[in-house]
């Protein structure tokens, strides 16, 4: 289930490429790493729910806040919440 959810999220990011703004492209690329890492960690730890995956991505983004300035953090969070909403 986690693998399928990961693939769905990554496909949505890939589909935005043609119409996305530069900020959205940046956020999508940034999120790809957090999504894939979170999925791998869920699988490693035997967690197989979408809720667990979403919590892992949220935690990963929070831990990495120092990598981005506040404006970029908001762009990434907005795209993440948009993707989750699309998949829900």
PDB file of N, CA and C in Angstrom:
ATOM      1  N   UNK A   1       0.815  -1.192   0.000  1.00  0.00           N
ATOM      2  CA  UNK A   1       0.000   0.000   0.000  1.00  0.00           C
ATOM      3  C   UNK A   1       0.866   1.266   0.000  1.00  0.00           C
ATOM      4  N   UNK A   2       1.917   1.289   0.793  1.00  0.00           N
ATOM      5  CA  UNK A   2       2.802   2.445   0.872  1.00  0.00           C
ATOM      6  C   UNK A   2       3.465   2.691  -0.482  1.00  0.00           C
ATOM      7  N   UNK A   3       3.911   1.629  -1.112  1.00  0.00           N
ATOM      8  CA  UNK A   3       4.578   1.779  -2.412  1.00  0.00           C
ATOM      9  C   UNK A   3       3.625   2.402  -3.432  1.00  0.00           C
ATOM     10  N   UNK A   4       2.390   1.951  -3.442  1.00  0.00           N
ATOM     11  CA  UNK A   4       1.408   2.484  -4.381  1.00  0.00           C
ATOM     12  C   UNK A   4       1.122   3.955  -4.075  1.00  0.00           C
ATOM     13  N   UNK A   5       1.025   4.304  -2.801  1.00  0.00           N
ATOM     14  CA  UNK A   5       0.786   5.687  -2.398  1.00  0.00           C
ATOM     15  C   UNK A   5       1.963   6.571  -2.817  1.00  0.00           C
ATOM     16  N   UNK A   6       3.166   6.080  -2.584  1.00  0.00           N
ATOM     17  CA  UNK A   6       4.364   6.814  -3.004  1.00  0.00           C
ATOM     18  C   UNK A   6       4.328   7.053  -4.512  1.00  0.00           C
ATOM     19  N   UNK A   7       4.048   6.014  -5.269  1.00  0.00           N
ATOM     20  CA  UNK A   7       4.008   6.134  -6.731  1.00  0.00           C
ATOM     21  C   UNK A   7       2.947   7.128  -7.188  1.00  0.00           C
ATOM     22  N   UNK A   8       1.810   7.137  -6.525  1.00  0.00           N
ATOM     23  CA  UNK A   8       0.751   8.075  -6.871  1.00  0.00           C
ATOM     24  C   UNK A   8       1.211   9.511  -6.635  1.00  0.00           C
ATOM     25  N   UNK A   9       1.828   9.759  -5.479  1.00  0.00           N
ATOM     26  CA  UNK A   9       2.324  11.101  -5.175  1.00  0.00           C
ATOM     27  C   UNK A   9       3.382  11.539  -6.181  1.00  0.00           C
ATOM     28  N   UNK A  10       4.322  10.654  -6.482  1.00  0.00           N
ATOM     29  CA  UNK A  10       5.391  10.995  -7.417  1.00  0.00           C
ATOM     30  C   UNK A  10       4.852  11.220  -8.831  1.00  0.00           C
ATOM     31  N   UNK A  11       3.844  10.461  -9.216  1.00  0.00           N
ATOM     32  CA  UNK A  11       3.214  10.646 -10.523  1.00  0.00           C
ATOM     33  C   UNK A  11       2.533  12.008 -10.601  1.00  0.00           C
ATOM     34  N   UNK A  12       1.861  12.402  -9.530  1.00  0.00           N
ATOM     35  CA  UNK A  12       1.233  13.724  -9.511  1.00  0.00           C
ATOM     36  C   UNK A  12       2.277  14.830  -9.674  1.00  0.00           C
ATOM     37  N   UNK A  13       3.401  14.668  -9.009  1.00  0.00           N
ATOM     38  CA  UNK A  13       4.483  15.648  -9.148  1.00  0.00           C
ATOM     39  C   UNK A  13       4.981  15.669 -10.592  1.00  0.00           C
ATOM     40  N   UNK A  14       5.184  14.502 -11.172  1.00  0.00           N
ATOM     41  CA  UNK A  14       5.654  14.420 -12.561  1.00  0.00           C
ATOM     42  C   UNK A  14       4.659  15.067 -13.533  1.00  0.00           C
ATOM     43  N   UNK A  15       3.378  14.904 -13.275  1.00  0.00           N
ATOM     44  CA  UNK A  15       2.354  15.433 -14.171  1.00  0.00           C
ATOM     45  C   UNK A  15       2.271  16.963 -14.128  1.00  0.00           C
ATOM     46  N   UNK A  16       2.770  17.568 -13.064  1.00  0.00           N
ATOM     47  CA  UNK A  16       2.726  19.024 -12.940  1.00  0.00           C
ATOM     48  C   UNK A  16       3.807  19.711 -13.771  1.00  0.00           C
ATOM     49  N   UNK A  17       4.790  18.975 -14.221  1.00  0.00           N
ATOM     50  CA  UNK A  17       5.972  19.576 -14.835  1.00  0.00           C
ATOM     51  C   UNK A  17       5.622  20.534 -15.969  1.00  0.00           C
ATOM     52  N   UNK A  18       4.687  20.177 -16.788  1.00  0.00           N
ATOM     53  CA  UNK A  18       4.376  21.004 -17.956  1.00  0.00           C
ATOM     54  C   UNK A  18       3.688  22.317 -17.595  1.00  0.00           C
ATOM     55  N   UNK A  19       2.980  22.362 -16.484  1.00  0.00           N
ATOM     56  CA  UNK A  19       2.198  23.550 -16.146  1.00  0.00           C
ATOM     57  C   UNK A  19       2.653  24.243 -14.863  1.00  0.00           C
ATOM     58  N   UNK A  20       3.598  23.665 -14.160  1.00  0.00           N
ATOM     59  CA  UNK A  20       3.999  24.190 -12.853  1.00  0.00           C
ATOM     60  C   UNK A  20       4.848  25.447 -12.976  1.00  0.00           C
ATOM     61  N   UNK A  21       4.726  26.290 -11.956  1.00  0.00           N
ATOM     62  CA  UNK A  21       5.599  27.463 -11.860  1.00  0.00           C
ATOM     63  C   UNK A  21       6.990  27.004 -11.417  1.00  0.00           C
ATOM     64  N   UNK A  22       7.947  27.896 -11.468  1.00  0.00           N
ATOM     65  CA  UNK A  22       9.296  27.563 -10.999  1.00  0.00           C
ATOM     66  C   UNK A  22       9.269  27.159  -9.535  1.00  0.00           C
ATOM     67  N   UNK A  23       8.471  27.848  -8.724  1.00  0.00           N
ATOM     68  CA  UNK A  23       8.359  27.509  -7.301  1.00  0.00           C
ATOM     69  C   UNK A  23       7.780  26.115  -7.115  1.00  0.00           C
ATOM     70  N   UNK A  24       6.772  25.781  -7.894  1.00  0.00           N
ATOM     71  CA  UNK A  24       6.154  24.458  -7.796  1.00  0.00           C
ATOM     72  C   UNK A  24       7.119  23.364  -8.255  1.00  0.00           C
ATOM     73  N   UNK A  25       7.891  23.654  -9.287  1.00  0.00           N
ATOM     74  CA  UNK A  25       8.889  22.678  -9.741  1.00  0.00           C
ATOM     75  C   UNK A  25       9.935  22.436  -8.662  1.00  0.00           C
ATOM     76  N   UNK A  26      10.392  23.511  -8.036  1.00  0.00           N
ATOM     77  CA  UNK A  26      11.343  23.388  -6.935  1.00  0.00           C
ATOM     78  C   UNK A  26      10.734  22.548  -5.809  1.00  0.00           C
ATOM     79  N   UNK A  27       9.522  22.897  -5.399  1.00  0.00           N
ATOM     80  CA  UNK A  27       8.874  22.192  -4.289  1.00  0.00           C
ATOM     81  C   UNK A  27       8.657  20.723  -4.627  1.00  0.00           C
ATOM     82  N   UNK A  28       8.265  20.438  -5.866  1.00  0.00           N
ATOM     83  CA  UNK A  28       8.063  19.055  -6.276  1.00  0.00           C
ATOM     84  C   UNK A  28       9.349  18.251  -6.212  1.00  0.00           C
ATOM     85  N   UNK A  29      10.423  18.829  -6.707  1.00  0.00           N
ATOM     86  CA  UNK A  29      11.718  18.140  -6.640  1.00  0.00           C
ATOM     87  C   UNK A  29      12.158  17.918  -5.203  1.00  0.00           C
ATOM     88  N   UNK A  30      11.951  18.914  -4.378  1.00  0.00           N
ATOM     89  CA  UNK A  30      12.326  18.814  -2.965  1.00  0.00           C
ATOM     90  C   UNK A  30      11.492  17.745  -2.258  1.00  0.00           C
ATOM     91  N   UNK A  31      10.200  17.733  -2.542  1.00  0.00           N
ATOM     92  CA  UNK A  31       9.311  16.761  -1.897  1.00  0.00           C
ATOM     93  C   UNK A  31       9.599  15.325  -2.316  1.00  0.00           C
ATOM     94  N   UNK A  32      10.036  15.124  -3.551  1.00  0.00           N
ATOM     95  CA  UNK A  32      10.300  13.756  -4.038  1.00  0.00           C
ATOM     96  C   UNK A  32      11.220  13.007  -3.077  1.00  0.00           C
ATOM     97  N   UNK A  33      12.276  13.658  -2.644  1.00  0.00           N
ATOM     98  CA  UNK A  33      13.215  13.009  -1.734  1.00  0.00           C
ATOM     99  C   UNK A  33      12.583  12.669  -0.402  1.00  0.00           C
ATOM    100  N   UNK A  34      11.803  13.586   0.132  1.00  0.00           N
ATOM    101  CA  UNK A  34      11.148  13.346   1.423  1.00  0.00           C
ATOM    102  C   UNK A  34      10.099  12.242   1.314  1.00  0.00           C
ATOM    103  N   UNK A  35       9.383  12.218   0.214  1.00  0.00           N
ATOM    104  CA  UNK A  35       8.364  11.188   0.005  1.00  0.00           C
ATOM    105  C   UNK A  35       9.015   9.813  -0.117  1.00  0.00           C
ATOM    106  N   UNK A  36      10.053   9.708  -0.942  1.00  0.00           N
ATOM    107  CA  UNK A  36      10.714   8.411  -1.146  1.00  0.00           C
ATOM    108  C   UNK A  36      11.385   7.912   0.130  1.00  0.00           C
ATOM    109  N   UNK A  37      12.049   8.802   0.839  1.00  0.00           N
ATOM    110  CA  UNK A  37      12.694   8.414   2.096  1.00  0.00           C
ATOM    111  C   UNK A  37      11.659   7.968   3.115  1.00  0.00           C
ATOM    112  N   UNK A  38      10.571   8.690   3.212  1.00  0.00           N
ATOM    113  CA  UNK A  38       9.518   8.336   4.165  1.00  0.00           C
ATOM    114  C   UNK A  38       8.890   6.984   3.820  1.00  0.00           C
ATOM    115  N   UNK A  39       8.672   6.730   2.539  1.00  0.00           N
ATOM    116  CA  UNK A  39       8.111   5.442   2.116  1.00  0.00           C
ATOM    117  C   UNK A  39       9.066   4.305   2.467  1.00  0.00           C
ATOM    118  N   UNK A  40      10.344   4.509   2.202  1.00  0.00           N
ATOM    119  CA  UNK A  40      11.340   3.473   2.527  1.00  0.00           C
ATOM    120  C   UNK A  40      11.387   3.214   4.028  1.00  0.00           C
ATOM    121  N   UNK A  41      11.315   4.264   4.824  1.00  0.00           N
ATOM    122  CA  UNK A  41      11.339   4.094   6.273  1.00  0.00           C
ATOM    123  C   UNK A  41      10.084   3.396   6.781  1.00  0.00           C
ATOM    124  N   UNK A  42       8.943   3.701   6.189  1.00  0.00           N
ATOM    125  CA  UNK A  42       7.708   3.006   6.560  1.00  0.00           C
ATOM    126  C   UNK A  42       7.815   1.513   6.255  1.00  0.00           C
ATOM    127  N   UNK A  43       8.279   1.205   5.069  1.00  0.00           N
ATOM    128  CA  UNK A  43       8.416  -0.201   4.688  1.00  0.00           C
ATOM    129  C   UNK A  43       9.409  -0.921   5.586  1.00  0.00           C
ATOM    130  N   UNK A  44      10.512  -0.267   5.887  1.00  0.00           N
ATOM    131  CA  UNK A  44      11.525  -0.853   6.766  1.00  0.00           C
ATOM    132  C   UNK A  44      10.951  -1.156   8.148  1.00  0.00           C
ATOM    133  N   UNK A  45      10.104  -0.249   8.630  1.00  0.00           N
ATOM    134  CA  UNK A  45       9.566  -0.378   9.983  1.00  0.00           C
ATOM    135  C   UNK A  45       8.230  -1.111  10.033  1.00  0.00           C
ATOM    136  N   UNK A  46       7.770  -1.637   8.909  1.00  0.00           N
ATOM    137  CA  UNK A  46       6.533  -2.403   8.877  1.00  0.00           C
ATOM    138  C   UNK A  46       5.275  -1.561   9.008  1.00  0.00           C
ATOM    139  N   UNK A  47       5.377  -0.278   8.742  1.00  0.00           N
ATOM    140  CA  UNK A  47       4.201   0.594   8.768  1.00  0.00           C
ATOM    141  C   UNK A  47       3.621   0.616   7.370  1.00  0.00           C
ATOM    142  N   UNK A  48       2.328   0.373   7.256  1.00  0.00           N
ATOM    143  CA  UNK A  48       1.767   0.267   5.913  1.00  0.00           C
ATOM    144  C   UNK A  48       0.503   1.085   5.723  1.00  0.00           C
ATOM    145  N   UNK A  49       0.355   2.159   6.491  1.00  0.00           N
ATOM    146  CA  UNK A  49      -0.835   2.997   6.329  1.00  0.00           C
ATOM    147  C   UNK A  49      -0.451   4.344   5.716  1.00  0.00           C
ATOM    148  N   UNK A  50      -1.399   4.925   5.032  1.00  0.00           N
ATOM    149  CA  UNK A  50      -1.209   6.245   4.451  1.00  0.00           C
ATOM    150  C   UNK A  50      -0.970   7.267   5.566  1.00  0.00           C
ATOM    151  N   UNK A  51      -1.669   7.105   6.671  1.00  0.00           N
ATOM    152  CA  UNK A  51      -1.490   8.016   7.806  1.00  0.00           C
ATOM    153  C   UNK A  51      -0.048   7.990   8.298  1.00  0.00           C
ATOM    154  N   UNK A  52       0.521   6.809   8.440  1.00  0.00           N
ATOM    155  CA  UNK A  52       1.916   6.695   8.886  1.00  0.00           C
ATOM    156  C   UNK A  52       2.859   7.350   7.888  1.00  0.00           C
ATOM    157  N   UNK A  53       2.595   7.139   6.623  1.00  0.00           N
ATOM    158  CA  UNK A  53       3.424   7.745   5.578  1.00  0.00           C
ATOM    159  C   UNK A  53       3.338   9.265   5.638  1.00  0.00           C
ATOM    160  N   UNK A  54       2.128   9.793   5.748  1.00  0.00           N
ATOM    161  CA  UNK A  54       1.955  11.240   5.823  1.00  0.00           C
ATOM    162  C   UNK A  54       2.661  11.821   7.046  1.00  0.00           C
ATOM    163  N   UNK A  55       2.569  11.129   8.166  1.00  0.00           N
ATOM    164  CA  UNK A  55       3.246  11.591   9.382  1.00  0.00           C
ATOM    165  C   UNK A  55       4.763  11.591   9.188  1.00  0.00           C
ATOM    166  N   UNK A  56       5.271  10.593   8.501  1.00  0.00           N
ATOM    167  CA  UNK A  56       6.712  10.535   8.235  1.00  0.00           C
ATOM    168  C   UNK A  56       7.165  11.694   7.351  1.00  0.00           C
ATOM    169  N   UNK A  57       6.393  12.007   6.323  1.00  0.00           N
ATOM    170  CA  UNK A  57       6.754  13.117   5.446  1.00  0.00           C
ATOM    171  C   UNK A  57       6.705  14.426   6.235  1.00  0.00           C
ATOM    172  N   UNK A  58       5.652  14.619   7.009  1.00  0.00           N
ATOM    173  CA  UNK A  58       5.537  15.837   7.826  1.00  0.00           C
ATOM    174  C   UNK A  58       6.728  15.968   8.764  1.00  0.00           C
ATOM    175  N   UNK A  59       7.102  14.879   9.403  1.00  0.00           N
ATOM    176  CA  UNK A  59       8.239  14.882  10.325  1.00  0.00           C
ATOM    177  C   UNK A  59       9.536  15.181   9.584  1.00  0.00           C
ATOM    178  N   UNK A  60       9.701  14.579   8.431  1.00  0.00           N
ATOM    179  CA  UNK A  60      10.902  14.794   7.628  1.00  0.00           C
ATOM    180  C   UNK A  60      11.015  16.259   7.208  1.00  0.00           C
ATOM    181  N   UNK A  61       9.909  16.838   6.801  1.00  0.00           N
ATOM    182  CA  UNK A  61       9.910  18.251   6.407  1.00  0.00           C
ATOM    183  C   UNK A  61      10.227  19.153   7.602  1.00  0.00           C
ATOM    184  N   UNK A  62       9.675  18.821   8.755  1.00  0.00           N
ATOM    185  CA  UNK A  62       9.954  19.615   9.959  1.00  0.00           C
ATOM    186  C   UNK A  62      11.421  19.550  10.343  1.00  0.00           C
ATOM    187  N   UNK A  63      11.996  18.363  10.260  1.00  0.00           N
ATOM    188  CA  UNK A  63      13.409  18.185  10.615  1.00  0.00           C
ATOM    189  C   UNK A  63      14.341  18.925   9.652  1.00  0.00           C
ATOM    190  N   UNK A  64      13.877  19.155   8.444  1.00  0.00           N
ATOM    191  CA  UNK A  64      14.720  19.778   7.417  1.00  0.00           C
ATOM    192  C   UNK A  64      14.443  21.276   7.254  1.00  0.00           C
ATOM    193  N   UNK A  65      13.706  21.864   8.165  1.00  0.00           N
ATOM    194  CA  UNK A  65      13.331  23.277   8.033  1.00  0.00           C
ATOM    195  C   UNK A  65      14.519  24.200   7.828  1.00  0.00           C
ATOM    196  N   UNK A  66      15.641  23.881   8.443  1.00  0.00           N
ATOM    197  CA  UNK A  66      16.797  24.772   8.341  1.00  0.00           C
ATOM    198  C   UNK A  66      17.399  24.790   6.927  1.00  0.00           C
ATOM    199  N   UNK A  67      17.004  23.831   6.084  1.00  0.00           N
ATOM    200  CA  UNK A  67      17.516  23.784   4.712  1.00  0.00           C
ATOM    201  C   UNK A  67      16.903  24.868   3.821  1.00  0.00           C
ATOM    202  N   UNK A  68      15.736  25.348   4.206  1.00  0.00           N
ATOM    203  CA  UNK A  68      14.998  26.282   3.360  1.00  0.00           C
ATOM    204  C   UNK A  68      14.704  27.581   4.091  1.00  0.00           C
ATOM    205  N   UNK A  69      14.573  28.658   3.332  1.00  0.00           N
ATOM    206  CA  UNK A  69      14.127  29.901   3.948  1.00  0.00           C
ATOM    207  C   UNK A  69      12.618  29.792   4.189  1.00  0.00           C
ATOM    208  N   UNK A  70      12.054  30.659   5.029  1.00  0.00           N
ATOM    209  CA  UNK A  70      10.630  30.544   5.370  1.00  0.00           C
ATOM    210  C   UNK A  70       9.687  30.554   4.160  1.00  0.00           C
ATOM    211  N   UNK A  71       9.977  31.357   3.159  1.00  0.00           N
ATOM    212  CA  UNK A  71       9.111  31.404   1.975  1.00  0.00           C
ATOM    213  C   UNK A  71       9.123  30.062   1.238  1.00  0.00           C
ATOM    214  N   UNK A  72      10.296  29.480   1.067  1.00  0.00           N
ATOM    215  CA  UNK A  72      10.393  28.182   0.402  1.00  0.00           C
ATOM    216  C   UNK A  72       9.747  27.080   1.239  1.00  0.00           C
ATOM    217  N   UNK A  73       9.894  27.153   2.552  1.00  0.00           N
ATOM    218  CA  UNK A  73       9.233  26.186   3.436  1.00  0.00           C
ATOM    219  C   UNK A  73       7.727  26.201   3.187  1.00  0.00           C
ATOM    220  N   UNK A  74       7.168  27.390   3.073  1.00  0.00           N
ATOM    221  CA  UNK A  74       5.724  27.510   2.869  1.00  0.00           C
ATOM    222  C   UNK A  74       5.304  26.961   1.510  1.00  0.00           C
ATOM    223  N   UNK A  75       6.098  27.215   0.489  1.00  0.00           N
ATOM    224  CA  UNK A  75       5.796  26.690  -0.849  1.00  0.00           C
ATOM    225  C   UNK A  75       5.779  25.160  -0.820  1.00  0.00           C
ATOM    226  N   UNK A  76       6.767  24.567  -0.160  1.00  0.00           N
ATOM    227  CA  UNK A  76       6.848  23.109  -0.061  1.00  0.00           C
ATOM    228  C   UNK A  76       5.659  22.565   0.730  1.00  0.00           C
ATOM    229  N   UNK A  77       5.360  23.173   1.862  1.00  0.00           N
ATOM    230  CA  UNK A  77       4.230  22.708   2.680  1.00  0.00           C
ATOM    231  C   UNK A  77       2.911  22.829   1.918  1.00  0.00           C
ATOM    232  N   UNK A  78       2.742  23.929   1.195  1.00  0.00           N
ATOM    233  CA  UNK A  78       1.507  24.104   0.424  1.00  0.00           C
ATOM    234  C   UNK A  78       1.354  23.024  -0.635  1.00  0.00           C
ATOM    235  N   UNK A  79       2.450  22.725  -1.341  1.00  0.00           N
ATOM    236  CA  UNK A  79       2.376  21.676  -2.358  1.00  0.00           C
ATOM    237  C   UNK A  79       2.117  20.323  -1.705  1.00  0.00           C
ATOM    238  N   UNK A  80       2.773  20.038  -0.602  1.00  0.00           N
ATOM    239  CA  UNK A  80       2.552  18.768   0.097  1.00  0.00           C
ATOM    240  C   UNK A  80       1.078  18.625   0.472  1.00  0.00           C
ATOM    241  N   UNK A  81       0.505  19.652   1.068  1.00  0.00           N
ATOM    242  CA  UNK A  81      -0.899  19.572   1.480  1.00  0.00           C
ATOM    243  C   UNK A  81      -1.820  19.444   0.260  1.00  0.00           C
ATOM    244  N   UNK A  82      -1.467  20.094  -0.832  1.00  0.00           N
ATOM    245  CA  UNK A  82      -2.242  19.964  -2.068  1.00  0.00           C
ATOM    246  C   UNK A  82      -2.198  18.528  -2.589  1.00  0.00           C
ATOM    247  N   UNK A  83      -1.017  17.937  -2.585  1.00  0.00           N
ATOM    248  CA  UNK A  83      -0.889  16.545  -3.056  1.00  0.00           C
ATOM    249  C   UNK A  83      -1.697  15.589  -2.194  1.00  0.00           C
ATOM    250  N   UNK A  84      -1.599  15.757  -0.883  1.00  0.00           N
ATOM    251  CA  UNK A  84      -2.357  14.884   0.036  1.00  0.00           C
ATOM    252  C   UNK A  84      -3.852  15.030  -0.221  1.00  0.00           C
ATOM    253  N   UNK A  85      -4.286  16.269  -0.432  1.00  0.00           N
ATOM    254  CA  UNK A  85      -5.700  16.509  -0.709  1.00  0.00           C
ATOM    255  C   UNK A  85      -6.135  15.827  -2.022  1.00  0.00           C
ATOM    256  N   UNK A  86      -5.305  15.890  -3.048  1.00  0.00           N
ATOM    257  CA  UNK A  86      -5.628  15.263  -4.332  1.00  0.00           C
ATOM    258  C   UNK A  86      -5.757  13.744  -4.217  1.00  0.00           C
ATOM    259  N   UNK A  87      -4.933  13.150  -3.367  1.00  0.00           N
ATOM    260  CA  UNK A  87      -4.914  11.698  -3.239  1.00  0.00           C
ATOM    261  C   UNK A  87      -6.025  11.215  -2.304  1.00  0.00           C
ATOM    262  N   UNK A  88      -6.459  12.067  -1.401  1.00  0.00           N
ATOM    263  CA  UNK A  88      -7.484  11.668  -0.401  1.00  0.00           C
ATOM    264  C   UNK A  88      -8.836  11.419  -1.036  1.00  0.00           C
TER     265      UNK A  88
END
